[in-house]
Amino acid sequence: DYDTTVHFITEQEFANNHGGMAHGGFVFRSGSTG
């Protein structure tokens, strides 16, 4: 259900650039009064 991109990389590149556990996000409530 998503636009997905697949990259093929070496083990060394994986170790150098993809070892972290970063995350996050956003919650919104958009509303009106009056």
All heavy atoms as atom14 arrays in JSON, in Angstrom:
{
  "sequence": "DYDTTVHFITEQEFANNHGGMAHGGFVFRSGSTG",
  "atom14_mask": [
    [1, 1, 1, 1, 1, 1, 1, 1, 0, 0, 0, 0, 0, 0],
    [1, 1, 1, 1, 1, 1, 1, 1, 1, 1, 1, 1, 0, 0],
    [1, 1, 1, 1, 1, 1, 1, 1, 0, 0, 0, 0, 0, 0],
    [1, 1, 1, 1, 1, 1, 1, 0, 0, 0, 0, 0, 0, 0],
    [1, 1, 1, 1, 1, 1, 1, 0, 0, 0, 0, 0, 0, 0],
    [1, 1, 1, 1, 1, 1, 1, 0, 0, 0, 0, 0, 0, 0],
    [1, 1, 1, 1, 1, 1, 1, 1, 1, 1, 0, 0, 0, 0],
    [1, 1, 1, 1, 1, 1, 1, 1, 1, 1, 1, 0, 0, 0],
    [1, 1, 1, 1, 1, 1, 1, 1, 0, 0, 0, 0, 0, 0],
    [1, 1, 1, 1, 1, 1, 1, 0, 0, 0, 0, 0, 0, 0],
    [1, 1, 1, 1, 1, 1, 1, 1, 1, 0, 0, 0, 0, 0],
    [1, 1, 1, 1, 1, 1, 1, 1, 1, 0, 0, 0, 0, 0],
    [1, 1, 1, 1, 1, 1, 1, 1, 1, 0, 0, 0, 0, 0],
    [1, 1, 1, 1, 1, 1, 1, 1, 1, 1, 1, 0, 0, 0],
    [1, 1, 1, 1, 1, 0, 0, 0, 0, 0, 0, 0, 0, 0],
    [1, 1, 1, 1, 1, 1, 1, 1, 0, 0, 0, 0, 0, 0],
    [1, 1, 1, 1, 1, 1, 1, 1, 0, 0, 0, 0, 0, 0],
    [1, 1, 1, 1, 1, 1, 1, 1, 1, 1, 0, 0, 0, 0],
    [1, 1, 1, 1, 0, 0, 0, 0, 0, 0, 0, 0, 0, 0],
    [1, 1, 1, 1, 0, 0, 0, 0, 0, 0, 0, 0, 0, 0],
    [1, 1, 1, 1, 1, 1, 1, 1, 0, 0, 0, 0, 0, 0],
    [1, 1, 1, 1, 1, 0, 0, 0, 0, 0, 0, 0, 0, 0],
    [1, 1, 1, 1, 1, 1, 1, 1, 1, 1, 0, 0, 0, 0],
    [1, 1, 1, 1, 0, 0, 0, 0, 0, 0, 0, 0, 0, 0],
    [1, 1, 1, 1, 0, 0, 0, 0, 0, 0, 0, 0, 0, 0],
    [1, 1, 1, 1, 1, 1, 1, 1, 1, 1, 1, 0, 0, 0],
    [1, 1, 1, 1, 1, 1, 1, 0, 0, 0, 0, 0, 0, 0],
    [1, 1, 1, 1, 1, 1, 1, 1, 1, 1, 1, 0, 0, 0],
    [1, 1, 1, 1, 1, 1, 1, 1, 1, 1, 1, 0, 0, 0],
    [1, 1, 1, 1, 1, 1, 0, 0, 0, 0, 0, 0, 0, 0],
    [1, 1, 1, 1, 0, 0, 0, 0, 0, 0, 0, 0, 0, 0],
    [1, 1, 1, 1, 1, 1, 0, 0, 0, 0, 0, 0, 0, 0],
    [1, 1, 1, 1, 1, 1, 1, 0, 0, 0, 0, 0, 0, 0],
    [1, 1, 1, 1, 0, 0, 0, 0, 0, 0, 0, 0, 0, 0]
  ],
  "atom14_positions": [
    [[0.81, -1.22, 0.0], [0.0, 0.0, 0.0], [0.84, 1.28, 0.0], [0.31, 2.37, 0.13], [-0.92, 0.02, 1.22], [-2.0, -1.05, 1.14], [-2.36, -1.43, 0.02], [-2.45, -1.51, 2.2], [0.0, 0.0, 0.0], [0.0, 0.0, 0.0], [0.0, 0.0, 0.0], [0.0, 0.0, 0.0], [0.0, 0.0, 0.0], [0.0, 0.0, 0.0]],
    [[2.16, 1.14, -0.16], [3.06, 2.29, -0.06], [3.96, 2.38, -1.28], [4.26, 1.36, -1.93], [3.97, 2.17, 1.18], [3.23, 2.13, 2.49], [2.73, 0.94, 3.0], [3.02, 3.3, 3.22], [2.05, 0.89, 4.2], [2.34, 3.26, 4.43], [1.86, 2.07, 4.91], [1.19, 2.02, 6.1], [0.0, 0.0, 0.0], [0.0, 0.0, 0.0]],
    [[4.42, 3.58, -1.59], [5.51, 3.74, -2.55], [6.8, 3.34, -1.83], [7.21, 3.98, -0.85], [5.59, 5.2, -3.03], [4.41, 5.57, -3.91], [3.84, 4.67, -4.55], [4.06, 6.76, -3.94], [0.0, 0.0, 0.0], [0.0, 0.0, 0.0], [0.0, 0.0, 0.0], [0.0, 0.0, 0.0], [0.0, 0.0, 0.0], [0.0, 0.0, 0.0]],
    [[7.42, 2.28, -2.3], [8.57, 1.68, -1.62], [9.79, 1.7, -2.53], [9.71, 1.32, -3.7], [8.25, 0.23, -1.2], [7.11, 0.22, -0.34], [9.43, -0.4, -0.49], [0.0, 0.0, 0.0], [0.0, 0.0, 0.0], [0.0, 0.0, 0.0], [0.0, 0.0, 0.0], [0.0, 0.0, 0.0], [0.0, 0.0, 0.0], [0.0, 0.0, 0.0]],
    [[10.92, 2.13, -1.98], [12.19, 2.13, -2.7], [13.11, 1.11, -2.06], [13.24, 1.07, -0.83], [12.85, 3.51, -2.67], [11.94, 4.49, -3.18], [14.12, 3.52, -3.49], [0.0, 0.0, 0.0], [0.0, 0.0, 0.0], [0.0, 0.0, 0.0], [0.0, 0.0, 0.0], [0.0, 0.0, 0.0], [0.0, 0.0, 0.0], [0.0, 0.0, 0.0]],
    [[13.75, 0.26, -2.88], [14.66, -0.76, -2.39], [16.07, -0.45, -2.88], [16.3, -0.3, -4.08], [14.22, -2.17, -2.85], [15.22, -3.22, -2.37], [12.81, -2.49, -2.34], [0.0, 0.0, 0.0], [0.0, 0.0, 0.0], [0.0, 0.0, 0.0], [0.0, 0.0, 0.0], [0.0, 0.0, 0.0], [0.0, 0.0, 0.0], [0.0, 0.0, 0.0]],
    [[17.0, -0.35, -1.93], [18.42, -0.12, -2.26], [19.22, -1.38, -1.89], [19.04, -1.92, -0.8], [18.98, 1.06, -1.47], [18.22, 2.34, -1.63], [18.41, 3.2, -2.69], [17.27, 2.91, -0.85], [17.62, 4.25, -2.56], [16.9, 4.1, -1.44], [0.0, 0.0, 0.0], [0.0, 0.0, 0.0], [0.0, 0.0, 0.0], [0.0, 0.0, 0.0]],
    [[20.11, -1.8, -2.76], [21.0, -2.91, -2.46], [22.39, -2.34, -2.14], [22.95, -1.58, -2.94], [21.06, -3.89, -3.63], [19.77, -4.62, -3.84], [18.87, -4.2, -4.83], [19.42, -5.67, -3.02], [17.67, -4.85, -5.02], [18.2, -6.33, -3.2], [17.33, -5.92, -4.19], [0.0, 0.0, 0.0], [0.0, 0.0, 0.0], [0.0, 0.0, 0.0]],
    [[22.91, -2.69, -0.98], [24.16, -2.11, -0.5], [25.07, -3.22, 0.04], [24.65, -4.36, 0.21], [23.92, -1.06, 0.61], [23.21, -1.7, 1.8], [23.11, 0.11, 0.07], [23.03, -0.75, 2.99], [0.0, 0.0, 0.0], [0.0, 0.0, 0.0], [0.0, 0.0, 0.0], [0.0, 0.0, 0.0], [0.0, 0.0, 0.0], [0.0, 0.0, 0.0]],
    [[26.32, -2.85, 0.33], [27.29, -3.81, 0.87], [27.14, -3.91, 2.39], [26.54, -3.04, 3.04], [28.72, -3.38, 0.54], [28.99, -2.14, 1.24], [28.91, -3.17, -0.96], [0.0, 0.0, 0.0], [0.0, 0.0, 0.0], [0.0, 0.0, 0.0], [0.0, 0.0, 0.0], [0.0, 0.0, 0.0], [0.0, 0.0, 0.0], [0.0, 0.0, 0.0]],
    [[27.71, -4.98, 2.94], [27.71, -5.14, 4.39], [28.43, -3.98, 5.08], [28.01, -3.52, 6.14], [28.37, -6.46, 4.78], [27.52, -7.68, 4.5], [28.13, -8.94, 5.08], [27.91, -9.21, 6.28], [28.81, -9.66, 4.33], [0.0, 0.0, 0.0], [0.0, 0.0, 0.0], [0.0, 0.0, 0.0], [0.0, 0.0, 0.0], [0.0, 0.0, 0.0]],
    [[29.5, -3.5, 4.47], [30.26, -2.41, 5.07], [29.43, -1.13, 5.1], [29.4, -0.41, 6.11], [31.56, -2.17, 4.3], [32.5, -1.17, 4.98], [32.91, -1.62, 6.36], [33.41, -2.73, 6.55], [32.71, -0.77, 7.36], [0.0, 0.0, 0.0], [0.0, 0.0, 0.0], [0.0, 0.0, 0.0], [0.0, 0.0, 0.0], [0.0, 0.0, 0.0]],
    [[28.73, -0.85, 4.01], [27.88, 0.34, 3.98], [26.76, 0.23, 5.0], [26.4, 1.2, 5.67], [27.3, 0.53, 2.58], [26.5, 1.83, 2.42], [25.97, 2.02, 1.01], [26.36, 1.25, 0.11], [25.14, 2.95, 0.82], [0.0, 0.0, 0.0], [0.0, 0.0, 0.0], [0.0, 0.0, 0.0], [0.0, 0.0, 0.0], [0.0, 0.0, 0.0]],
    [[26.22, -0.97, 5.14], [25.16, -1.18, 6.12], [25.68, -0.9, 7.53], [25.04, -0.21, 8.33], [24.64, -2.62, 6.03], [23.4, -2.88, 6.84], [22.15, -2.73, 6.27], [23.47, -3.26, 8.17], [20.99, -2.96, 7.0], [22.33, -3.49, 8.91], [21.08, -3.34, 8.33], [0.0, 0.0, 0.0], [0.0, 0.0, 0.0], [0.0, 0.0, 0.0]],
    [[26.86, -1.43, 7.83], [27.46, -1.23, 9.16], [27.78, 0.24, 9.41], [27.59, 0.75, 10.52], [28.72, -2.07, 9.29], [0.0, 0.0, 0.0], [0.0, 0.0, 0.0], [0.0, 0.0, 0.0], [0.0, 0.0, 0.0], [0.0, 0.0, 0.0], [0.0, 0.0, 0.0], [0.0, 0.0, 0.0], [0.0, 0.0, 0.0], [0.0, 0.0, 0.0]],
    [[28.24, 0.94, 8.37], [28.64, 2.34, 8.53], [27.45, 3.29, 8.69], [27.52, 4.26, 9.46], [29.47, 2.8, 7.33], [30.84, 2.14, 7.28], [31.3, 1.57, 8.26], [31.48, 2.2, 6.12], [0.0, 0.0, 0.0], [0.0, 0.0, 0.0], [0.0, 0.0, 0.0], [0.0, 0.0, 0.0], [0.0, 0.0, 0.0], [0.0, 0.0, 0.0]],
    [[26.36, 3.0, 7.97], [25.28, 3.99, 7.86], [23.94, 3.59, 8.43], [23.04, 4.43, 8.51], [25.08, 4.34, 6.37], [26.33, 4.9, 5.73], [27.12, 5.58, 6.39], [26.52, 4.62, 4.46], [0.0, 0.0, 0.0], [0.0, 0.0, 0.0], [0.0, 0.0, 0.0], [0.0, 0.0, 0.0], [0.0, 0.0, 0.0], [0.0, 0.0, 0.0]],
    [[23.78, 2.34, 8.85], [22.44, 1.9, 9.24], [22.45, 1.13, 10.57], [21.67, 0.19, 10.75], [21.83, 1.05, 8.11], [21.72, 1.78, 6.82], [20.75, 2.74, 6.58], [22.51, 1.75, 5.71], [20.93, 3.24, 5.37], [21.99, 2.65, 4.82], [0.0, 0.0, 0.0], [0.0, 0.0, 0.0], [0.0, 0.0, 0.0], [0.0, 0.0, 0.0]],
    [[23.28, 1.57, 11.49], [23.36, 0.88, 12.77], [22.48, 1.49, 13.85], [22.34, 0.92, 14.94], [0.0, 0.0, 0.0], [0.0, 0.0, 0.0], [0.0, 0.0, 0.0], [0.0, 0.0, 0.0], [0.0, 0.0, 0.0], [0.0, 0.0, 0.0], [0.0, 0.0, 0.0], [0.0, 0.0, 0.0], [0.0, 0.0, 0.0], [0.0, 0.0, 0.0]],
    [[21.88, 2.64, 13.6], [21.14, 3.35, 14.63], [19.71, 2.88, 14.77], [19.2, 2.06, 13.99], [0.0, 0.0, 0.0], [0.0, 0.0, 0.0], [0.0, 0.0, 0.0], [0.0, 0.0, 0.0], [0.0, 0.0, 0.0], [0.0, 0.0, 0.0], [0.0, 0.0, 0.0], [0.0, 0.0, 0.0], [0.0, 0.0, 0.0], [0.0, 0.0, 0.0]],
    [[19.01, 3.44, 15.79], [17.62, 3.08, 16.08], [16.77, 4.34, 16.18], [15.89, 4.46, 17.03], [17.55, 2.3, 17.39], [18.29, 0.98, 17.37], [17.46, -0.27, 16.35], [16.1, -0.69, 17.42], [0.0, 0.0, 0.0], [0.0, 0.0, 0.0], [0.0, 0.0, 0.0], [0.0, 0.0, 0.0], [0.0, 0.0, 0.0], [0.0, 0.0, 0.0]],
    [[17.05, 5.32, 15.31], [16.32, 6.58, 15.35], [14.87, 6.38, 14.91], [14.56, 5.49, 14.12], [17.0, 7.61, 14.46], [0.0, 0.0, 0.0], [0.0, 0.0, 0.0], [0.0, 0.0, 0.0], [0.0, 0.0, 0.0], [0.0, 0.0, 0.0], [0.0, 0.0, 0.0], [0.0, 0.0, 0.0], [0.0, 0.0, 0.0], [0.0, 0.0, 0.0]],
    [[13.99, 7.22, 15.45], [12.58, 7.19, 15.03], [11.94, 8.5, 15.48], [12.6, 9.43, 15.92], [11.84, 5.98, 15.59], [10.81, 5.43, 14.65], [10.06, 6.22, 13.81], [10.41, 4.16, 14.41], [9.25, 5.46, 13.09], [9.44, 4.2, 13.43], [0.0, 0.0, 0.0], [0.0, 0.0, 0.0], [0.0, 0.0, 0.0], [0.0, 0.0, 0.0]],
    [[10.62, 8.56, 15.36], [9.89, 9.76, 15.74], [8.6, 9.85, 14.97], [8.14, 8.87, 14.37], [0.0, 0.0, 0.0], [0.0, 0.0, 0.0], [0.0, 0.0, 0.0], [0.0, 0.0, 0.0], [0.0, 0.0, 0.0], [0.0, 0.0, 0.0], [0.0, 0.0, 0.0], [0.0, 0.0, 0.0], [0.0, 0.0, 0.0], [0.0, 0.0, 0.0]],
    [[8.0, 11.04, 14.99], [6.77, 11.21, 14.25], [6.01, 12.44, 14.69], [6.52, 13.27, 15.48], [0.0, 0.0, 0.0], [0.0, 0.0, 0.0], [0.0, 0.0, 0.0], [0.0, 0.0, 0.0], [0.0, 0.0, 0.0], [0.0, 0.0, 0.0], [0.0, 0.0, 0.0], [0.0, 0.0, 0.0], [0.0, 0.0, 0.0], [0.0, 0.0, 0.0]],
    [[4.78, 12.55, 14.19], [3.95, 13.74, 14.41], [2.52, 13.32, 14.69], [2.0, 12.39, 14.06], [3.95, 14.64, 13.17], [5.31, 15.02, 12.66], [6.02, 14.15, 11.84], [5.86, 16.25, 12.98], [7.26, 14.51, 11.35], [7.1, 16.61, 12.5], [7.81, 15.74, 11.68], [0.0, 0.0, 0.0], [0.0, 0.0, 0.0], [0.0, 0.0, 0.0]],
    [[1.87, 14.03, 15.61], [0.42, 13.9, 15.81], [-0.19, 15.28, 15.6], [0.29, 16.27, 16.18], [0.08, 13.39, 17.22], [-1.43, 13.43, 17.45], [0.58, 11.97, 17.4], [0.0, 0.0, 0.0], [0.0, 0.0, 0.0], [0.0, 0.0, 0.0], [0.0, 0.0, 0.0], [0.0, 0.0, 0.0], [0.0, 0.0, 0.0], [0.0, 0.0, 0.0]],
    [[-1.24, 15.34, 14.79], [-1.94, 16.6, 14.52], [-3.42, 16.45, 14.88], [-4.01, 15.38, 14.73], [-1.88, 16.96, 13.04], [-0.51, 17.25, 12.51], [0.27, 16.23, 11.99], [-0.01, 18.55, 12.49], [1.53, 16.49, 11.47], [1.25, 18.82, 11.97], [2.02, 17.79, 11.46], [0.0, 0.0, 0.0], [0.0, 0.0, 0.0], [0.0, 0.0, 0.0]],
    [[-4.01, 17.55, 15.33], [-5.46, 17.7, 15.36], [-5.76, 19.01, 14.68], [-5.32, 20.08, 15.13], [-5.99, 17.71, 16.8], [-7.51, 17.92, 16.92], [-8.28, 16.7, 16.54], [-9.72, 16.85, 16.81], [-10.64, 15.95, 16.46], [-10.27, 14.84, 15.85], [-11.92, 16.15, 16.72], [0.0, 0.0, 0.0], [0.0, 0.0, 0.0], [0.0, 0.0, 0.0]],
    [[-6.45, 18.94, 13.56], [-6.81, 20.14, 12.81], [-8.3, 20.35, 13.0], [-9.11, 19.48, 12.66], [-6.47, 19.93, 11.33], [-6.86, 21.04, 10.56], [0.0, 0.0, 0.0], [0.0, 0.0, 0.0], [0.0, 0.0, 0.0], [0.0, 0.0, 0.0], [0.0, 0.0, 0.0], [0.0, 0.0, 0.0], [0.0, 0.0, 0.0], [0.0, 0.0, 0.0]],
    [[-8.67, 21.49, 13.58], [-10.08, 21.71, 13.88], [-10.47, 23.17, 13.79], [-9.67, 24.03, 13.43], [0.0, 0.0, 0.0], [0.0, 0.0, 0.0], [0.0, 0.0, 0.0], [0.0, 0.0, 0.0], [0.0, 0.0, 0.0], [0.0, 0.0, 0.0], [0.0, 0.0, 0.0], [0.0, 0.0, 0.0], [0.0, 0.0, 0.0], [0.0, 0.0, 0.0]],
    [[-11.72, 23.45, 14.15], [-12.24, 24.81, 14.03], [-13.13, 25.14, 15.21], [-13.71, 24.27, 15.86], [-13.02, 24.98, 12.72], [-14.09, 24.06, 12.66], [0.0, 0.0, 0.0], [0.0, 0.0, 0.0], [0.0, 0.0, 0.0], [0.0, 0.0, 0.0], [0.0, 0.0, 0.0], [0.0, 0.0, 0.0], [0.0, 0.0, 0.0], [0.0, 0.0, 0.0]],
    [[-13.24, 26.44, 15.49], [-14.16, 26.97, 16.49], [-14.92, 28.15, 15.87], [-14.61, 28.58, 14.76], [-13.42, 27.43, 17.76], [-12.5, 28.48, 17.41], [-12.67, 26.3, 18.42], [0.0, 0.0, 0.0], [0.0, 0.0, 0.0], [0.0, 0.0, 0.0], [0.0, 0.0, 0.0], [0.0, 0.0, 0.0], [0.0, 0.0, 0.0], [0.0, 0.0, 0.0]],
    [[-15.86, 28.68, 16.64], [-16.68, 29.8, 16.13], [-18.05, 29.3, 15.74], [-18.25, 28.12, 15.41], [0.0, 0.0, 0.0], [0.0, 0.0, 0.0], [0.0, 0.0, 0.0], [0.0, 0.0, 0.0], [0.0, 0.0, 0.0], [0.0, 0.0, 0.0], [0.0, 0.0, 0.0], [0.0, 0.0, 0.0], [0.0, 0.0, 0.0], [0.0, 0.0, 0.0]]
  ]
}
